[in-house]
Amino acid sequence: MTSDEAMDDVQIRLATPADIPALRALIKRSARGLSDGFYTTTEIDAALEYVFGVDSNLIADGTYFVAERAGAVAGCGGWSHRRTLYGGDQRPVGANDRLDPATDPARIRAFFIAPEAARRGLGRRILTLCEAAARQAGFRAFELMSTLPGVPFYAALGFQAVEEVADALPNGVTLRFIRMRRAL
């Protein structure tokens, strides 16, 4: 079975506010299940408290997708025309003002995949939808802040590392990320 065939039964749609509880649960499962070996337990706990979370602006803007399989949320991710680069409602990083598609890259935001659905093409399918929507909005490039486990995924899709970032969280834990970019 190919990775695409394994996810044939997945439906992808725009997220709604009613999805927020299921998204929060998925984000926790994804972070705990896929970050092992990249981040310590202390770093994962801090990330879940201060960084990994739902950004309700993405849902309100109609730029955040939910992938469902057999009635359960299997993945999520989106893009943004706002300056915020990462973080959830609990601690967004970057201003909330709108980007200029002629000069600024659109943001890829908050991709989380259920551990049992990882590495089967689901993230790629969501990213393809993001790319089409961002192009339609006039953007010519993407920028994102990748978690360490996300770097191989984004690199395989043509994103290039721009800089290493160490985010000092409010509880004193430092979380490492890689800022990445790619032309559309």
C-alpha atoms as a PDB file:
ATOM      1  CA  MET A   1       0.000   0.000   0.000  1.00  0.00           C
ATOM      2  CA  THR A   2       1.446   3.411  -0.966  1.00  0.00           C
ATOM      3  CA  SER A   3       1.360   6.339   1.428  1.00  0.00           C
ATOM      4  CA  ASP A   4      -1.341   8.053  -0.650  1.00  0.00           C
ATOM      5  CA  GLU A   5      -3.535   4.935  -0.706  1.00  0.00           C
ATOM      6  CA  ALA A   6      -3.251   4.656   3.059  1.00  0.00           C
ATOM      7  CA  MET A   7      -4.972   8.036   3.410  1.00  0.00           C
ATOM      8  CA  ASP A   8      -7.599   7.697   0.645  1.00  0.00           C
ATOM      9  CA  ASP A   9     -10.402   7.735   3.208  1.00  0.00           C
ATOM     10  CA  VAL A  10      -9.385  11.126   4.662  1.00  0.00           C
ATOM     11  CA  GLN A  11     -11.636  14.131   4.183  1.00  0.00           C
ATOM     12  CA  ILE A  12     -10.040  17.583   4.410  1.00  0.00           C
ATOM     13  CA  ARG A  13     -12.145  20.655   5.110  1.00  0.00           C
ATOM     14  CA  LEU A  14     -11.836  24.109   6.621  1.00  0.00           C
ATOM     15  CA  ALA A  15     -11.781  24.159  10.416  1.00  0.00           C
ATOM     16  CA  THR A  16     -14.609  25.720  12.419  1.00  0.00           C
ATOM     17  CA  PRO A  17     -14.695  26.947  16.027  1.00  0.00           C
ATOM     18  CA  ALA A  18     -16.521  23.720  16.932  1.00  0.00           C
ATOM     19  CA  ASP A  19     -13.311  21.812  16.020  1.00  0.00           C
ATOM     20  CA  ILE A  20     -11.177  23.545  18.665  1.00  0.00           C
ATOM     21  CA  PRO A  21     -11.520  20.892  21.428  1.00  0.00           C
ATOM     22  CA  ALA A  22     -10.607  18.075  18.998  1.00  0.00           C
ATOM     23  CA  LEU A  23      -7.720  20.150  17.603  1.00  0.00           C
ATOM     24  CA  ARG A  24      -6.343  20.757  21.098  1.00  0.00           C
ATOM     25  CA  ALA A  25      -6.430  17.010  21.790  1.00  0.00           C
ATOM     26  CA  LEU A  26      -4.739  16.220  18.455  1.00  0.00           C
ATOM     27  CA  ILE A  27      -2.005  18.807  19.057  1.00  0.00           C
ATOM     28  CA  LYS A  28      -1.149  17.205  22.400  1.00  0.00           C
ATOM     29  CA  ARG A  29      -1.088  13.684  20.927  1.00  0.00           C
ATOM     30  CA  SER A  30       0.972  14.811  17.946  1.00  0.00           C
ATOM     31  CA  ALA A  31       3.509  16.731  20.026  1.00  0.00           C
ATOM     32  CA  ARG A  32       3.963  13.909  22.518  1.00  0.00           C
ATOM     33  CA  GLY A  33       3.999  11.158  19.893  1.00  0.00           C
ATOM     34  CA  LEU A  34       6.198  12.725  17.231  1.00  0.00           C
ATOM     35  CA  SER A  35       8.629  14.939  19.160  1.00  0.00           C
ATOM     36  CA  ASP A  36      10.381  12.188  21.099  1.00  0.00           C
ATOM     37  CA  GLY A  37      14.079  12.176  20.222  1.00  0.00           C
ATOM     38  CA  PHE A  38      13.943  15.810  19.071  1.00  0.00           C
ATOM     39  CA  TYR A  39      12.790  17.504  22.276  1.00  0.00           C
ATOM     40  CA  THR A  40      12.956  16.459  25.917  1.00  0.00           C
ATOM     41  CA  THR A  41       9.789  15.817  27.917  1.00  0.00           C
ATOM     42  CA  THR A  42      10.347  19.169  29.664  1.00  0.00           C
ATOM     43  CA  GLU A  43      10.598  20.938  26.291  1.00  0.00           C
ATOM     44  CA  ILE A  44       7.467  19.217  24.972  1.00  0.00           C
ATOM     45  CA  ASP A  45       5.519  20.168  28.113  1.00  0.00           C
ATOM     46  CA  ALA A  46       6.663  23.796  27.800  1.00  0.00           C
ATOM     47  CA  ALA A  47       5.850  23.856  24.084  1.00  0.00           C
ATOM     48  CA  LEU A  48       2.327  22.612  24.789  1.00  0.00           C
ATOM     49  CA  GLU A  49       1.857  25.304  27.426  1.00  0.00           C
ATOM     50  CA  TYR A  50       3.314  28.265  25.518  1.00  0.00           C
ATOM     51  CA  VAL A  51       3.694  27.480  21.803  1.00  0.00           C
ATOM     52  CA  PHE A  52       1.754  24.528  20.385  1.00  0.00           C
ATOM     53  CA  GLY A  53      -1.921  25.329  20.273  1.00  0.00           C
ATOM     54  CA  VAL A  54      -4.864  26.477  18.242  1.00  0.00           C
ATOM     55  CA  ASP A  55      -4.654  29.950  16.709  1.00  0.00           C
ATOM     56  CA  SER A  56      -8.311  30.910  16.410  1.00  0.00           C
ATOM     57  CA  ASN A  57      -7.404  33.699  13.955  1.00  0.00           C
ATOM     58  CA  LEU A  58      -6.536  31.031  11.379  1.00  0.00           C
ATOM     59  CA  ILE A  59      -9.964  29.466  11.819  1.00  0.00           C
ATOM     60  CA  ALA A  60     -11.729  32.846  11.645  1.00  0.00           C
ATOM     61  CA  ASP A  61      -9.747  33.744   8.507  1.00  0.00           C
ATOM     62  CA  GLY A  62     -10.767  30.498   6.782  1.00  0.00           C
ATOM     63  CA  THR A  63      -7.146  29.415   6.265  1.00  0.00           C
ATOM     64  CA  TYR A  64      -6.938  26.416   8.599  1.00  0.00           C
ATOM     65  CA  PHE A  65      -7.712  22.865   7.535  1.00  0.00           C
ATOM     66  CA  VAL A  66      -8.832  19.764   9.418  1.00  0.00           C
ATOM     67  CA  ALA A  67      -8.269  16.266   8.074  1.00  0.00           C
ATOM     68  CA  GLU A  68     -10.717  13.656   9.319  1.00  0.00           C
ATOM     69  CA  ARG A  69     -10.482   9.913   9.020  1.00  0.00           C
ATOM     70  CA  ALA A  70     -13.255   7.613  10.247  1.00  0.00           C
ATOM     71  CA  GLY A  71     -14.849  10.542  12.092  1.00  0.00           C
ATOM     72  CA  ALA A  72     -11.705  11.471  14.023  1.00  0.00           C
ATOM     73  CA  VAL A  73      -9.310  14.363  13.482  1.00  0.00           C
ATOM     74  CA  ALA A  74      -6.143  12.918  11.935  1.00  0.00           C
ATOM     75  CA  GLY A  75      -4.335  16.150  11.104  1.00  0.00           C
ATOM     76  CA  CYS A  76      -4.512  19.887  10.801  1.00  0.00           C
ATOM     77  CA  GLY A  77      -2.568  22.757   9.345  1.00  0.00           C
ATOM     78  CA  GLY A  78      -2.970  26.009   7.566  1.00  0.00           C
ATOM     79  CA  TRP A  79      -1.559  29.138   6.083  1.00  0.00           C
ATOM     80  CA  SER A  80      -1.919  32.775   6.999  1.00  0.00           C
ATOM     81  CA  HIS A  81      -1.900  36.232   5.508  1.00  0.00           C
ATOM     82  CA  ARG A  82      -1.004  37.642   8.944  1.00  0.00           C
ATOM     83  CA  ARG A  83       2.461  38.464  10.255  1.00  0.00           C
ATOM     84  CA  THR A  84       2.246  35.999  13.198  1.00  0.00           C
ATOM     85  CA  LEU A  85       4.850  33.328  12.465  1.00  0.00           C
ATOM     86  CA  TYR A  86       3.982  30.730  15.110  1.00  0.00           C
ATOM     87  CA  GLY A  87       2.274  30.094  18.425  1.00  0.00           C
ATOM     88  CA  GLY A  88      -1.327  29.584  19.448  1.00  0.00           C
ATOM     89  CA  ASP A  89      -3.905  31.751  21.158  1.00  0.00           C
ATOM     90  CA  GLN A  90      -1.989  31.327  24.416  1.00  0.00           C
ATOM     91  CA  ARG A  91       1.157  33.063  23.020  1.00  0.00           C
ATOM     92  CA  PRO A  92       1.239  34.179  19.371  1.00  0.00           C
ATOM     93  CA  VAL A  93       4.690  35.171  18.109  1.00  0.00           C
ATOM     94  CA  GLY A  94       4.564  38.131  15.756  1.00  0.00           C
ATOM     95  CA  ALA A  95       2.087  40.896  15.046  1.00  0.00           C
ATOM     96  CA  ASN A  96      -1.422  40.099  13.858  1.00  0.00           C
ATOM     97  CA  ASP A  97      -1.439  42.658  11.035  1.00  0.00           C
ATOM     98  CA  ARG A  98      -1.864  41.599   7.414  1.00  0.00           C
ATOM     99  CA  LEU A  99       1.015  40.757   5.114  1.00  0.00           C
ATOM    100  CA  ASP A 100       1.501  42.306   1.668  1.00  0.00           C
ATOM    101  CA  PRO A 101       1.417  39.467  -0.903  1.00  0.00           C
ATOM    102  CA  ALA A 102       3.622  41.498  -3.263  1.00  0.00           C
ATOM    103  CA  THR A 103       6.511  41.652  -0.787  1.00  0.00           C
ATOM    104  CA  ASP A 104       5.872  39.269   2.126  1.00  0.00           C
ATOM    105  CA  PRO A 105       5.759  35.470   2.224  1.00  0.00           C
ATOM    106  CA  ALA A 106       2.539  33.857   3.436  1.00  0.00           C
ATOM    107  CA  ARG A 107       2.927  31.896   6.651  1.00  0.00           C
ATOM    108  CA  ILE A 108       2.557  28.144   6.998  1.00  0.00           C
ATOM    109  CA  ARG A 109       1.101  27.547  10.427  1.00  0.00           C
ATOM    110  CA  ALA A 110       0.359  24.911  13.030  1.00  0.00           C
ATOM    111  CA  PHE A 111       0.718  21.595  11.201  1.00  0.00           C
ATOM    112  CA  PHE A 112       0.018  18.647  13.488  1.00  0.00           C
ATOM    113  CA  ILE A 113      -0.558  15.056  12.416  1.00  0.00           C
ATOM    114  CA  ALA A 114      -1.816  12.189  14.582  1.00  0.00           C
ATOM    115  CA  PRO A 115       1.065   9.770  15.247  1.00  0.00           C
ATOM    116  CA  GLU A 116      -0.809   6.878  13.624  1.00  0.00           C
ATOM    117  CA  ALA A 117      -1.337   8.969  10.440  1.00  0.00           C
ATOM    118  CA  ALA A 118       2.221  10.324  10.207  1.00  0.00           C
ATOM    119  CA  ARG A 119       4.360   9.775   7.117  1.00  0.00           C
ATOM    120  CA  ARG A 120       1.452   8.769   4.909  1.00  0.00           C
ATOM    121  CA  GLY A 121       1.059  11.913   2.778  1.00  0.00           C
ATOM    122  CA  LEU A 122      -1.529  13.697   4.911  1.00  0.00           C
ATOM    123  CA  GLY A 123       0.658  16.710   5.709  1.00  0.00           C
ATOM    124  CA  ARG A 124       1.584  16.998   2.038  1.00  0.00           C
ATOM    125  CA  ARG A 125      -2.112  17.028   1.067  1.00  0.00           C
ATOM    126  CA  ILE A 126      -2.873  19.804   3.544  1.00  0.00           C
ATOM    127  CA  LEU A 127       0.158  21.800   2.357  1.00  0.00           C
ATOM    128  CA  THR A 128      -1.020  21.484  -1.269  1.00  0.00           C
ATOM    129  CA  LEU A 129      -4.350  23.079  -0.282  1.00  0.00           C
ATOM    130  CA  CYS A 130      -2.504  25.854   1.557  1.00  0.00           C
ATOM    131  CA  GLU A 131      -0.314  26.503  -1.453  1.00  0.00           C
ATOM    132  CA  ALA A 132      -3.265  26.797  -3.838  1.00  0.00           C
ATOM    133  CA  ALA A 133      -5.100  29.210  -1.511  1.00  0.00           C
ATOM    134  CA  ALA A 134      -2.023  31.367  -0.896  1.00  0.00           C
ATOM    135  CA  ARG A 135      -1.305  31.576  -4.626  1.00  0.00           C
ATOM    136  CA  GLN A 136      -4.884  32.600  -5.266  1.00  0.00           C
ATOM    137  CA  ALA A 137      -4.414  35.359  -2.658  1.00  0.00           C
ATOM    138  CA  GLY A 138      -1.371  36.614  -4.605  1.00  0.00           C
ATOM    139  CA  PHE A 139       1.473  35.287  -2.455  1.00  0.00           C
ATOM    140  CA  ARG A 140       4.681  34.128  -4.129  1.00  0.00           C
ATOM    141  CA  ALA A 141       6.503  32.534  -1.196  1.00  0.00           C
ATOM    142  CA  PHE A 142       5.974  30.738   2.107  1.00  0.00           C
ATOM    143  CA  GLU A 143       7.740  31.169   5.426  1.00  0.00           C
ATOM    144  CA  LEU A 144       7.348  29.024   8.527  1.00  0.00           C
ATOM    145  CA  MET A 145       8.864  28.254  11.875  1.00  0.00           C
ATOM    146  CA  SER A 146       9.497  24.522  11.934  1.00  0.00           C
ATOM    147  CA  THR A 147       9.747  22.337  14.965  1.00  0.00           C
ATOM    148  CA  LEU A 148      12.773  20.044  14.871  1.00  0.00           C
ATOM    149  CA  PRO A 149      10.674  16.966  13.945  1.00  0.00           C
ATOM    150  CA  GLY A 150       9.056  18.976  11.141  1.00  0.00           C
ATOM    151  CA  VAL A 151      12.316  19.964   9.415  1.00  0.00           C
ATOM    152  CA  PRO A 152      12.696  16.740   7.336  1.00  0.00           C
ATOM    153  CA  PHE A 153       9.077  17.035   6.141  1.00  0.00           C
ATOM    154  CA  TYR A 154       9.428  20.653   5.038  1.00  0.00           C
ATOM    155  CA  ALA A 155      12.891  20.096   3.528  1.00  0.00           C
ATOM    156  CA  ALA A 156      11.495  17.238   1.417  1.00  0.00           C
ATOM    157  CA  LEU A 157       8.945  19.718   0.056  1.00  0.00           C
ATOM    158  CA  GLY A 158      11.579  22.256  -0.988  1.00  0.00           C
ATOM    159  CA  PHE A 159      11.738  24.508   2.058  1.00  0.00           C
ATOM    160  CA  GLN A 160      15.192  25.780   2.956  1.00  0.00           C
ATOM    161  CA  ALA A 161      16.478  26.699   6.397  1.00  0.00           C
ATOM    162  CA  VAL A 162      16.913  30.434   6.901  1.00  0.00           C
ATOM    163  CA  GLU A 163      17.975  30.524  10.553  1.00  0.00           C
ATOM    164  CA  GLU A 164      18.044  28.573  13.785  1.00  0.00           C
ATOM    165  CA  VAL A 165      15.876  30.110  16.492  1.00  0.00           C
ATOM    166  CA  ALA A 166      15.976  29.580  20.255  1.00  0.00           C
ATOM    167  CA  ASP A 167      12.744  30.785  21.875  1.00  0.00           C
ATOM    168  CA  ALA A 168      13.114  31.454  25.605  1.00  0.00           C
ATOM    169  CA  LEU A 169       9.699  30.552  27.000  1.00  0.00           C
ATOM    170  CA  PRO A 170       8.156  32.271  30.057  1.00  0.00           C
ATOM    171  CA  ASN A 171       8.987  29.291  32.315  1.00  0.00           C
ATOM    172  CA  GLY A 172      12.714  29.460  31.450  1.00  0.00           C
ATOM    173  CA  VAL A 173      12.754  26.541  28.992  1.00  0.00           C
ATOM    174  CA  THR A 174      14.357  27.304  25.630  1.00  0.00           C
ATOM    175  CA  LEU A 175      12.748  25.687  22.606  1.00  0.00           C
ATOM    176  CA  ARG A 176      14.688  25.287  19.355  1.00  0.00           C
ATOM    177  CA  PHE A 177      13.126  25.888  15.933  1.00  0.00           C
ATOM    178  CA  ILE A 178      14.270  26.355  12.341  1.00  0.00           C
ATOM    179  CA  ARG A 179      12.809  29.230  10.300  1.00  0.00           C
ATOM    180  CA  MET A 180      12.332  28.048   6.698  1.00  0.00           C
ATOM    181  CA  ARG A 181      11.247  29.529   3.357  1.00  0.00           C
ATOM    182  CA  ARG A 182      10.205  28.394  -0.088  1.00  0.00           C
ATOM    183  CA  ALA A 183       9.006  30.068  -3.261  1.00  0.00           C
ATOM    184  CA  LEU A 184       5.536  29.130  -4.493  1.00  0.00           C
END
